[in-house]
N, C-alpha and C. Protein backbone atom coordinates (compact mmCIF):
# COMPACT_ATOMS: atom_id res chain seq x y z
N MET A 1 112.53 98.73 139.97
CA MET A 1 112.75 100.07 140.48
C MET A 1 111.41 100.79 140.67
N ARG A 2 110.49 100.58 139.70
CA ARG A 2 109.16 101.18 139.85
C ARG A 2 108.45 100.60 141.06
N ARG A 3 108.63 99.28 141.26
CA ARG A 3 108.00 98.61 142.41
C ARG A 3 108.51 99.21 143.72
N ALA A 4 109.83 99.38 143.81
CA ALA A 4 110.42 99.92 145.04
C ALA A 4 109.93 101.33 145.31
N THR A 5 109.82 102.14 144.25
CA THR A 5 109.33 103.52 144.41
C THR A 5 107.88 103.51 144.86
N ALA A 6 107.06 102.64 144.23
CA ALA A 6 105.64 102.56 144.60
C ALA A 6 105.49 102.13 146.06
N GLU A 7 106.32 101.19 146.49
CA GLU A 7 106.27 100.73 147.88
C GLU A 7 106.67 101.85 148.84
N LEU A 8 107.68 102.62 148.45
CA LEU A 8 108.14 103.72 149.30
C LEU A 8 107.04 104.79 149.40
N VAL A 9 106.41 105.10 148.29
CA VAL A 9 105.31 106.08 148.29
C VAL A 9 104.18 105.57 149.19
N ALA A 10 103.82 104.29 149.01
CA ALA A 10 102.70 103.71 149.77
C ALA A 10 103.00 103.61 151.26
N SER A 11 104.27 103.53 151.61
CA SER A 11 104.64 103.38 153.03
C SER A 11 104.27 104.61 153.86
N GLY A 12 104.09 105.75 153.19
CA GLY A 12 103.77 106.98 153.92
C GLY A 12 104.95 107.60 154.63
N ILE A 13 106.17 107.11 154.33
CA ILE A 13 107.38 107.59 155.02
C ILE A 13 107.56 109.10 154.86
N ALA A 14 107.13 109.64 153.71
CA ALA A 14 107.34 111.07 153.47
C ALA A 14 106.61 111.94 154.50
N SER A 15 105.53 111.40 155.08
CA SER A 15 104.77 112.19 156.08
C SER A 15 105.55 112.35 157.38
N ASN A 16 106.63 111.56 157.56
CA ASN A 16 107.47 111.68 158.76
C ASN A 16 108.56 112.74 158.61
N ALA A 17 108.74 113.24 157.37
CA ALA A 17 109.81 114.20 157.12
C ALA A 17 109.47 115.55 157.75
N LEU A 18 110.50 116.30 158.09
CA LEU A 18 110.29 117.64 158.63
C LEU A 18 109.64 118.53 157.57
N GLY A 19 108.86 119.51 158.04
CA GLY A 19 108.16 120.37 157.11
C GLY A 19 108.24 121.83 157.53
N VAL A 20 107.50 122.66 156.85
CA VAL A 20 107.48 124.10 157.12
C VAL A 20 107.07 124.33 158.57
N GLY A 21 107.85 125.19 159.23
CA GLY A 21 107.58 125.51 160.64
C GLY A 21 108.38 124.68 161.62
N ASP A 22 108.95 123.56 161.16
CA ASP A 22 109.79 122.73 162.04
C ASP A 22 111.18 123.35 162.16
N LEU A 23 111.82 123.06 163.28
CA LEU A 23 113.20 123.50 163.50
C LEU A 23 114.13 122.50 162.82
N ALA A 24 115.01 123.00 161.96
CA ALA A 24 115.95 122.13 161.25
C ALA A 24 117.07 121.70 162.19
N PRO A 25 117.42 120.41 162.19
CA PRO A 25 118.55 119.97 163.00
C PRO A 25 119.85 120.63 162.52
N LEU A 26 120.70 121.00 163.45
CA LEU A 26 122.02 121.53 163.09
C LEU A 26 122.93 120.37 162.70
N PHE A 27 123.90 120.63 161.84
CA PHE A 27 124.83 119.58 161.43
C PHE A 27 126.17 120.19 161.07
N GLU A 28 127.17 119.35 161.08
CA GLU A 28 128.52 119.71 160.64
C GLU A 28 129.06 118.52 159.86
N LEU A 29 129.36 118.74 158.59
CA LEU A 29 129.78 117.66 157.70
C LEU A 29 130.94 118.10 156.82
N PRO A 30 131.75 117.14 156.35
CA PRO A 30 132.86 117.50 155.46
C PRO A 30 132.37 117.73 154.03
N ASN A 31 133.01 118.72 153.37
CA ASN A 31 132.71 118.92 151.95
C ASN A 31 133.62 118.00 151.11
N ALA A 32 133.58 118.17 149.80
CA ALA A 32 134.33 117.27 148.91
C ALA A 32 135.84 117.38 149.11
N GLU A 33 136.31 118.50 149.68
CA GLU A 33 137.73 118.70 149.94
C GLU A 33 138.11 118.32 151.38
N GLY A 34 137.13 117.83 152.15
CA GLY A 34 137.40 117.41 153.52
C GLY A 34 137.29 118.52 154.56
N ARG A 35 136.90 119.74 154.12
CA ARG A 35 136.75 120.86 155.05
C ARG A 35 135.40 120.75 155.73
N SER A 36 135.38 120.96 157.03
CA SER A 36 134.14 120.84 157.81
C SER A 36 133.26 122.06 157.59
N ILE A 37 131.99 121.80 157.26
CA ILE A 37 131.01 122.87 157.01
C ILE A 37 129.90 122.75 158.05
N SER A 38 129.65 123.84 158.74
CA SER A 38 128.65 123.85 159.81
C SER A 38 127.40 124.61 159.36
N SER A 39 126.23 124.00 159.57
CA SER A 39 125.00 124.69 159.18
C SER A 39 124.80 125.95 160.01
N ALA A 40 125.25 125.94 161.26
CA ALA A 40 125.11 127.13 162.12
C ALA A 40 125.90 128.30 161.52
N GLU A 41 127.11 128.02 161.02
CA GLU A 41 127.92 129.08 160.40
C GLU A 41 127.28 129.59 159.12
N LEU A 42 126.70 128.69 158.33
CA LEU A 42 126.04 129.10 157.09
C LEU A 42 124.81 129.96 157.40
N LEU A 43 124.04 129.56 158.42
CA LEU A 43 122.83 130.31 158.78
C LEU A 43 123.15 131.68 159.37
N ALA A 44 124.36 131.81 159.90
CA ALA A 44 124.77 133.12 160.44
C ALA A 44 124.92 134.13 159.30
N LYS A 45 125.14 133.63 158.07
CA LYS A 45 125.32 134.52 156.91
C LYS A 45 123.99 134.84 156.21
N GLY A 46 123.00 133.94 156.35
CA GLY A 46 121.72 134.14 155.66
C GLY A 46 120.98 132.82 155.56
N PRO A 47 119.86 132.79 154.84
CA PRO A 47 119.09 131.55 154.70
C PRO A 47 119.92 130.45 154.02
N LEU A 48 119.50 129.21 154.28
CA LEU A 48 120.20 128.05 153.75
C LEU A 48 119.25 127.25 152.87
N VAL A 49 119.68 126.98 151.63
CA VAL A 49 118.95 126.07 150.75
C VAL A 49 119.68 124.73 150.81
N LEU A 50 118.94 123.73 151.23
CA LEU A 50 119.52 122.41 151.48
C LEU A 50 118.84 121.41 150.56
N THR A 51 119.64 120.69 149.76
CA THR A 51 119.05 119.67 148.89
C THR A 51 119.70 118.33 149.21
N PHE A 52 118.90 117.29 149.30
CA PHE A 52 119.39 115.94 149.59
C PHE A 52 119.49 115.18 148.27
N TYR A 53 120.67 114.60 148.04
CA TYR A 53 121.09 114.09 146.74
C TYR A 53 121.55 112.65 146.92
N ARG A 54 120.99 111.71 146.13
CA ARG A 54 121.28 110.29 146.31
C ARG A 54 122.73 109.92 145.93
N GLY A 55 123.19 110.45 144.79
CA GLY A 55 124.56 110.14 144.39
C GLY A 55 124.81 110.42 142.93
N PHE A 56 126.09 110.44 142.56
CA PHE A 56 126.50 110.77 141.20
C PHE A 56 125.96 109.77 140.18
N TRP A 57 125.58 108.57 140.63
CA TRP A 57 125.10 107.50 139.76
C TRP A 57 123.63 107.67 139.36
N CYS A 58 122.94 108.64 139.96
CA CYS A 58 121.50 108.83 139.73
C CYS A 58 121.27 109.94 138.71
N PRO A 59 120.79 109.61 137.49
CA PRO A 59 120.63 110.64 136.46
C PRO A 59 119.63 111.73 136.86
N TYR A 60 118.59 111.37 137.60
CA TYR A 60 117.60 112.38 138.03
C TYR A 60 118.23 113.36 139.01
N CYS A 61 119.08 112.82 139.90
CA CYS A 61 119.78 113.68 140.86
C CYS A 61 120.71 114.65 140.14
N ASN A 62 121.39 114.15 139.12
CA ASN A 62 122.33 114.99 138.39
C ASN A 62 121.61 116.11 137.64
N LEU A 63 120.45 115.81 137.05
CA LEU A 63 119.66 116.85 136.39
C LEU A 63 119.22 117.89 137.41
N ASP A 64 118.85 117.42 138.61
CA ASP A 64 118.43 118.33 139.67
C ASP A 64 119.58 119.25 140.09
N LEU A 65 120.79 118.69 140.25
CA LEU A 65 121.94 119.51 140.62
C LEU A 65 122.25 120.53 139.53
N GLU A 66 122.12 120.11 138.26
CA GLU A 66 122.38 121.04 137.16
C GLU A 66 121.37 122.20 137.18
N SER A 67 120.10 121.89 137.47
CA SER A 67 119.09 122.96 137.52
C SER A 67 119.34 123.88 138.71
N LEU A 68 119.84 123.33 139.82
CA LEU A 68 120.19 124.17 140.97
C LEU A 68 121.39 125.06 140.65
N GLN A 69 122.35 124.52 139.89
CA GLN A 69 123.50 125.32 139.48
C GLN A 69 123.04 126.51 138.64
N GLU A 70 122.07 126.26 137.75
CA GLU A 70 121.53 127.35 136.92
C GLU A 70 120.83 128.39 137.79
N ALA A 71 120.17 127.93 138.85
CA ALA A 71 119.42 128.83 139.74
C ALA A 71 120.31 129.51 140.78
N LEU A 72 121.56 129.06 140.89
CA LEU A 72 122.45 129.54 141.96
C LEU A 72 122.61 131.06 142.00
N PRO A 73 122.80 131.75 140.87
CA PRO A 73 122.92 133.21 140.95
C PRO A 73 121.70 133.86 141.61
N GLY A 74 120.50 133.37 141.29
CA GLY A 74 119.28 133.91 141.89
C GLY A 74 119.19 133.61 143.37
N ILE A 75 119.70 132.44 143.77
CA ILE A 75 119.70 132.05 145.19
C ILE A 75 120.66 132.96 145.96
N GLU A 76 121.86 133.13 145.42
CA GLU A 76 122.88 133.94 146.10
C GLU A 76 122.48 135.42 146.11
N GLN A 77 121.83 135.88 145.06
CA GLN A 77 121.35 137.26 144.97
C GLN A 77 120.38 137.57 146.12
N ARG A 78 119.69 136.54 146.57
CA ARG A 78 118.72 136.69 147.64
C ARG A 78 119.36 136.45 149.02
N GLY A 79 120.69 136.37 149.04
CA GLY A 79 121.42 136.26 150.30
C GLY A 79 121.50 134.88 150.90
N ALA A 80 121.15 133.87 150.10
CA ALA A 80 121.13 132.49 150.62
C ALA A 80 122.35 131.70 150.15
N THR A 81 122.64 130.61 150.86
CA THR A 81 123.70 129.67 150.50
C THR A 81 123.04 128.35 150.12
N LEU A 82 123.57 127.71 149.08
CA LEU A 82 123.08 126.40 148.64
C LEU A 82 124.11 125.33 148.96
N VAL A 83 123.66 124.24 149.59
CA VAL A 83 124.52 123.07 149.75
C VAL A 83 123.70 121.81 149.46
N ALA A 84 124.38 120.80 148.95
CA ALA A 84 123.76 119.49 148.73
C ALA A 84 124.34 118.52 149.74
N LEU A 85 123.52 117.59 150.21
CA LEU A 85 123.98 116.54 151.12
C LEU A 85 123.80 115.20 150.43
N SER A 86 124.83 114.38 150.47
CA SER A 86 124.79 113.07 149.83
C SER A 86 125.49 112.05 150.70
N PRO A 87 125.03 110.79 150.69
CA PRO A 87 125.74 109.76 151.44
C PRO A 87 127.05 109.31 150.78
N GLN A 88 127.31 109.75 149.56
CA GLN A 88 128.50 109.29 148.85
C GLN A 88 129.79 109.84 149.48
N THR A 89 130.88 109.16 149.20
CA THR A 89 132.18 109.57 149.73
C THR A 89 132.61 110.90 149.10
N ALA A 90 133.56 111.56 149.73
CA ALA A 90 134.07 112.84 149.24
C ALA A 90 134.63 112.70 147.82
N ALA A 91 135.30 111.59 147.54
CA ALA A 91 135.87 111.38 146.19
C ALA A 91 134.77 111.38 145.14
N ASN A 92 133.64 110.77 145.45
CA ASN A 92 132.53 110.74 144.51
C ASN A 92 131.86 112.11 144.39
N SER A 93 131.87 112.87 145.48
CA SER A 93 131.34 114.25 145.41
C SER A 93 132.25 115.11 144.52
N ARG A 94 133.57 114.92 144.66
CA ARG A 94 134.51 115.66 143.80
C ARG A 94 134.25 115.34 142.33
N ARG A 95 133.99 114.07 142.07
CA ARG A 95 133.70 113.64 140.70
C ARG A 95 132.44 114.35 140.18
N ALA A 96 131.39 114.38 141.00
CA ALA A 96 130.12 115.02 140.59
C ALA A 96 130.33 116.51 140.34
N ILE A 97 131.06 117.16 141.23
CA ILE A 97 131.33 118.61 141.10
C ILE A 97 132.10 118.88 139.80
N ARG A 98 133.11 118.05 139.55
CA ARG A 98 133.94 118.22 138.35
C ARG A 98 133.12 117.98 137.08
N GLU A 99 132.40 116.84 137.04
CA GLU A 99 131.69 116.46 135.82
C GLU A 99 130.51 117.38 135.51
N LYS A 100 129.88 117.92 136.55
CA LYS A 100 128.69 118.75 136.35
C LYS A 100 128.99 120.25 136.44
N GLY A 101 130.26 120.60 136.69
CA GLY A 101 130.64 122.01 136.75
C GLY A 101 129.94 122.76 137.88
N LEU A 102 129.83 122.12 139.03
CA LEU A 102 129.11 122.73 140.16
C LEU A 102 130.01 123.69 140.92
N THR A 103 129.42 124.77 141.41
CA THR A 103 130.19 125.75 142.20
C THR A 103 129.64 125.86 143.62
N PHE A 104 128.83 124.89 144.03
CA PHE A 104 128.36 124.83 145.41
C PHE A 104 128.84 123.52 146.03
N ASP A 105 128.83 123.47 147.36
CA ASP A 105 129.36 122.30 148.07
C ASP A 105 128.41 121.11 148.06
N ILE A 106 128.99 119.92 147.92
CA ILE A 106 128.29 118.67 148.24
C ILE A 106 128.94 118.15 149.52
N LEU A 107 128.16 117.99 150.57
CA LEU A 107 128.66 117.52 151.85
C LEU A 107 128.40 116.02 151.98
N SER A 108 129.34 115.31 152.60
CA SER A 108 129.21 113.86 152.77
C SER A 108 128.47 113.55 154.06
N ASP A 109 127.25 113.01 153.90
CA ASP A 109 126.40 112.63 155.03
C ASP A 109 126.49 111.11 155.19
N SER A 110 127.60 110.66 155.79
CA SER A 110 127.86 109.22 155.91
C SER A 110 126.74 108.52 156.68
N GLY A 111 126.24 107.43 156.08
CA GLY A 111 125.17 106.67 156.71
C GLY A 111 123.84 107.40 156.71
N ASN A 112 123.78 108.52 156.00
CA ASN A 112 122.55 109.32 155.94
C ASN A 112 122.06 109.74 157.32
N GLU A 113 123.01 110.05 158.21
CA GLU A 113 122.64 110.43 159.58
C GLU A 113 121.86 111.75 159.62
N VAL A 114 122.32 112.75 158.85
CA VAL A 114 121.58 114.02 158.82
C VAL A 114 120.25 113.82 158.11
N ALA A 115 120.27 113.04 157.02
CA ALA A 115 119.01 112.72 156.33
C ALA A 115 118.01 112.10 157.30
N ALA A 116 118.49 111.23 158.17
CA ALA A 116 117.61 110.59 159.17
C ALA A 116 117.02 111.64 160.11
N SER A 117 117.83 112.63 160.50
CA SER A 117 117.34 113.65 161.44
C SER A 117 116.28 114.54 160.78
N PHE A 118 116.26 114.58 159.44
CA PHE A 118 115.21 115.31 158.72
C PHE A 118 114.04 114.38 158.34
N GLY A 119 114.14 113.10 158.72
CA GLY A 119 113.07 112.14 158.42
C GLY A 119 113.08 111.61 157.01
N LEU A 120 114.28 111.57 156.38
CA LEU A 120 114.37 111.23 154.96
C LEU A 120 115.02 109.87 154.67
N ARG A 121 115.70 109.28 155.65
CA ARG A 121 116.48 108.06 155.38
C ARG A 121 115.57 106.83 155.28
N PHE A 122 115.87 105.99 154.31
CA PHE A 122 115.19 104.70 154.22
C PHE A 122 116.19 103.64 153.76
N ARG A 123 115.90 102.38 154.12
CA ARG A 123 116.77 101.28 153.68
C ARG A 123 116.19 100.68 152.41
N MET A 124 117.05 100.44 151.46
CA MET A 124 116.61 99.86 150.20
C MET A 124 116.15 98.42 150.43
N PRO A 125 115.08 97.97 149.74
CA PRO A 125 114.66 96.58 149.88
C PRO A 125 115.71 95.64 149.28
N ASP A 126 115.75 94.41 149.80
CA ASP A 126 116.79 93.46 149.38
C ASP A 126 116.81 93.24 147.87
N TYR A 127 115.63 93.15 147.24
CA TYR A 127 115.61 92.91 145.79
C TYR A 127 116.23 94.07 145.01
N LEU A 128 116.10 95.30 145.54
CA LEU A 128 116.69 96.45 144.87
C LEU A 128 118.20 96.50 145.11
N ILE A 129 118.62 96.12 146.30
CA ILE A 129 120.06 96.03 146.59
C ILE A 129 120.72 95.07 145.59
N GLU A 130 120.07 93.93 145.39
CA GLU A 130 120.59 92.92 144.47
C GLU A 130 120.69 93.48 143.05
N LEU A 131 119.65 94.21 142.62
CA LEU A 131 119.64 94.80 141.28
C LEU A 131 120.76 95.82 141.12
N TYR A 132 120.92 96.71 142.11
CA TYR A 132 121.98 97.72 142.04
C TYR A 132 123.36 97.06 142.01
N ARG A 133 123.57 96.12 142.95
CA ARG A 133 124.90 95.53 143.11
C ARG A 133 125.25 94.61 141.95
N ASP A 134 124.31 93.72 141.58
CA ASP A 134 124.62 92.67 140.61
C ASP A 134 124.21 93.05 139.18
N GLY A 135 123.11 93.81 139.06
CA GLY A 135 122.62 94.16 137.72
C GLY A 135 123.28 95.43 137.18
N PHE A 136 123.38 96.46 138.03
CA PHE A 136 123.93 97.73 137.59
C PHE A 136 125.41 97.89 137.94
N ASN A 137 125.97 96.92 138.65
CA ASN A 137 127.36 97.01 139.12
C ASN A 137 127.58 98.31 139.90
N ASN A 138 126.59 98.63 140.76
CA ASN A 138 126.65 99.85 141.58
C ASN A 138 126.53 99.43 143.05
N ASP A 139 127.68 99.10 143.63
CA ASP A 139 127.70 98.65 145.02
C ASP A 139 127.79 99.88 145.93
N LEU A 140 126.67 100.23 146.53
CA LEU A 140 126.63 101.45 147.34
C LEU A 140 127.49 101.35 148.60
N THR A 141 127.87 100.13 149.00
CA THR A 141 128.78 100.03 150.15
C THR A 141 130.14 100.62 149.79
N ILE A 142 130.49 100.58 148.50
CA ILE A 142 131.74 101.17 148.02
C ILE A 142 131.53 102.66 147.71
N THR A 143 130.46 102.96 146.97
CA THR A 143 130.15 104.35 146.59
C THR A 143 130.03 105.25 147.82
N ASN A 144 129.37 104.70 148.87
CA ASN A 144 129.10 105.49 150.07
C ASN A 144 130.09 105.22 151.20
N GLY A 145 130.94 104.21 151.03
CA GLY A 145 131.96 103.95 152.03
C GLY A 145 131.43 103.43 153.36
N GLU A 146 130.22 102.86 153.33
CA GLU A 146 129.66 102.26 154.55
C GLU A 146 128.56 101.27 154.13
N PRO A 147 128.21 100.31 155.01
CA PRO A 147 127.43 99.15 154.57
C PRO A 147 125.91 99.22 154.73
N SER A 148 125.32 100.39 155.00
CA SER A 148 123.91 100.40 155.42
C SER A 148 122.89 100.20 154.30
N TRP A 149 123.29 100.45 153.04
CA TRP A 149 122.34 100.40 151.92
C TRP A 149 121.12 101.29 152.20
N THR A 150 121.38 102.48 152.72
CA THR A 150 120.31 103.45 152.92
C THR A 150 120.49 104.60 151.93
N LEU A 151 119.39 105.28 151.67
CA LEU A 151 119.40 106.46 150.80
C LEU A 151 118.50 107.52 151.43
N PRO A 152 118.69 108.78 151.03
CA PRO A 152 117.74 109.81 151.43
C PRO A 152 116.64 109.92 150.38
N MET A 153 115.41 110.16 150.82
CA MET A 153 114.40 110.57 149.84
C MET A 153 114.84 111.93 149.30
N PRO A 154 114.72 112.15 148.00
CA PRO A 154 115.06 113.47 147.48
C PRO A 154 114.22 114.54 148.18
N ALA A 155 114.88 115.60 148.60
CA ALA A 155 114.18 116.65 149.34
C ALA A 155 114.92 117.96 149.19
N ARG A 156 114.15 119.05 149.31
CA ARG A 156 114.75 120.38 149.29
C ARG A 156 114.11 121.21 150.39
N PHE A 157 114.95 121.94 151.12
CA PHE A 157 114.47 122.78 152.21
C PHE A 157 115.08 124.17 152.07
N VAL A 158 114.29 125.18 152.47
CA VAL A 158 114.83 126.51 152.70
C VAL A 158 114.71 126.73 154.20
N ILE A 159 115.84 127.05 154.83
CA ILE A 159 115.88 127.23 156.28
C ILE A 159 116.21 128.70 156.56
N ASP A 160 115.39 129.35 157.39
CA ASP A 160 115.65 130.76 157.68
C ASP A 160 116.76 130.89 158.72
N THR A 161 117.19 132.11 158.97
CA THR A 161 118.37 132.33 159.82
C THR A 161 118.13 131.94 161.28
N THR A 162 116.87 131.73 161.68
CA THR A 162 116.58 131.25 163.04
C THR A 162 116.58 129.73 163.11
N GLY A 163 116.80 129.08 161.94
CA GLY A 163 116.83 127.62 161.91
C GLY A 163 115.48 126.97 161.63
N VAL A 164 114.47 127.79 161.32
CA VAL A 164 113.13 127.25 161.04
C VAL A 164 112.98 126.99 159.55
N ILE A 165 112.35 125.88 159.21
CA ILE A 165 112.14 125.52 157.81
C ILE A 165 111.02 126.38 157.22
N ALA A 166 111.36 127.12 156.16
CA ALA A 166 110.41 128.02 155.52
C ALA A 166 109.82 127.42 154.24
N TYR A 167 110.51 126.41 153.69
CA TYR A 167 110.05 125.73 152.47
C TYR A 167 110.51 124.30 152.55
N SER A 168 109.62 123.38 152.17
CA SER A 168 109.96 121.96 152.24
C SER A 168 109.32 121.25 151.06
N GLU A 169 110.13 120.47 150.35
CA GLU A 169 109.63 119.65 149.25
C GLU A 169 110.28 118.27 149.39
N VAL A 170 109.47 117.28 149.72
CA VAL A 170 109.97 115.91 149.92
C VAL A 170 109.14 115.00 149.03
N ASN A 171 109.81 114.15 148.24
CA ASN A 171 109.05 113.24 147.38
C ASN A 171 109.73 111.87 147.38
N PRO A 172 109.01 110.83 147.82
CA PRO A 172 109.61 109.50 147.81
C PRO A 172 109.83 108.96 146.40
N ASP A 173 109.24 109.61 145.38
CA ASP A 173 109.47 109.22 143.99
C ASP A 173 110.66 110.03 143.46
N TYR A 174 111.81 109.37 143.34
CA TYR A 174 113.06 110.06 142.98
C TYR A 174 113.03 110.65 141.58
N THR A 175 112.03 110.28 140.77
CA THR A 175 111.97 110.80 139.40
C THR A 175 111.27 112.16 139.34
N LYS A 176 110.70 112.60 140.45
CA LYS A 176 109.98 113.87 140.47
C LYS A 176 110.72 114.88 141.34
N ARG A 177 111.14 115.99 140.76
CA ARG A 177 111.88 117.03 141.48
C ARG A 177 111.22 118.39 141.26
N PRO A 178 111.21 119.24 142.29
CA PRO A 178 110.62 120.57 142.11
C PRO A 178 111.55 121.46 141.29
N ASP A 179 110.95 122.39 140.57
CA ASP A 179 111.74 123.39 139.85
C ASP A 179 112.33 124.35 140.88
N PRO A 180 113.62 124.67 140.79
CA PRO A 180 114.23 125.57 141.78
C PRO A 180 113.53 126.91 141.89
N SER A 181 112.87 127.34 140.81
CA SER A 181 112.19 128.65 140.85
C SER A 181 111.07 128.68 141.88
N GLU A 182 110.56 127.49 142.27
CA GLU A 182 109.46 127.43 143.24
C GLU A 182 109.85 128.00 144.61
N MET A 183 111.13 127.91 144.94
CA MET A 183 111.54 128.37 146.28
C MET A 183 111.98 129.84 146.29
N LEU A 184 112.15 130.45 145.12
CA LEU A 184 112.64 131.82 145.07
C LEU A 184 111.70 132.83 145.76
N PRO A 185 110.37 132.70 145.61
CA PRO A 185 109.49 133.62 146.34
C PRO A 185 109.68 133.52 147.86
N ILE A 186 109.99 132.34 148.35
CA ILE A 186 110.23 132.16 149.80
C ILE A 186 111.49 132.93 150.19
N LEU A 187 112.54 132.81 149.37
CA LEU A 187 113.77 133.54 149.64
C LEU A 187 113.54 135.05 149.56
N ASP A 188 112.68 135.48 148.64
CA ASP A 188 112.33 136.91 148.55
C ASP A 188 111.67 137.38 149.84
N GLN A 189 110.73 136.57 150.35
CA GLN A 189 110.04 136.92 151.60
C GLN A 189 111.02 137.02 152.76
N LEU A 190 111.95 136.06 152.83
CA LEU A 190 112.93 136.07 153.92
C LEU A 190 113.83 137.30 153.82
N LYS A 191 114.18 137.68 152.60
CA LYS A 191 115.04 138.85 152.40
C LYS A 191 114.30 140.12 152.82
N GLN A 192 113.01 140.20 152.46
CA GLN A 192 112.21 141.37 152.85
C GLN A 192 112.05 141.45 154.37
N SER A 193 111.81 140.29 155.00
CA SER A 193 111.66 140.25 156.47
C SER A 193 112.95 140.72 157.16
N ALA A 194 114.08 140.28 156.60
CA ALA A 194 115.38 140.65 157.19
C ALA A 194 115.63 142.15 157.07
N ALA A 195 115.13 142.73 155.97
CA ALA A 195 115.36 144.17 155.72
C ALA A 195 114.41 145.05 156.53
N ALA A 196 113.30 144.45 156.96
CA ALA A 196 112.26 145.25 157.67
C ALA A 196 112.70 145.64 159.07
């Protein structure tokens, strides 16, 4: 797993991800209850905090979701909406929401198509697929309901109401996550700009 992470870091793939000043792709995806959620509709209400989440099976991802849940009141106070995107099936998102006590949506990004549009999708190397499937008994073709064996690099974006990315944190090392408090000053700036 360390080897795969080191290879992903060395590949420079993170430099292809969208960053501050880029226009965020619009998307429409189902939430854990199957209801369609549109980024355009969310942006009509205020800024959007978007986090890309590998799956319920990833302990680092779960800690990240828990820290975002703790930060949620501060995010909403600043007029923003938080959603997580994951390649996992809706049933697995429901499980994550239930087990972690989440009150924000996890949207199902089948095949990591939206992740790809943000420059985050990568295919797992064959040796890691074998380890997940045979060693950890974690067959992502079942967890994600499709056969691509792709994942998103963990990433967090703040998107302003015009669809422009105001904050971007992308790290090919899944063990390193930004503290949610890092994006709050950006949300403060967006709120002040909106009020001006």
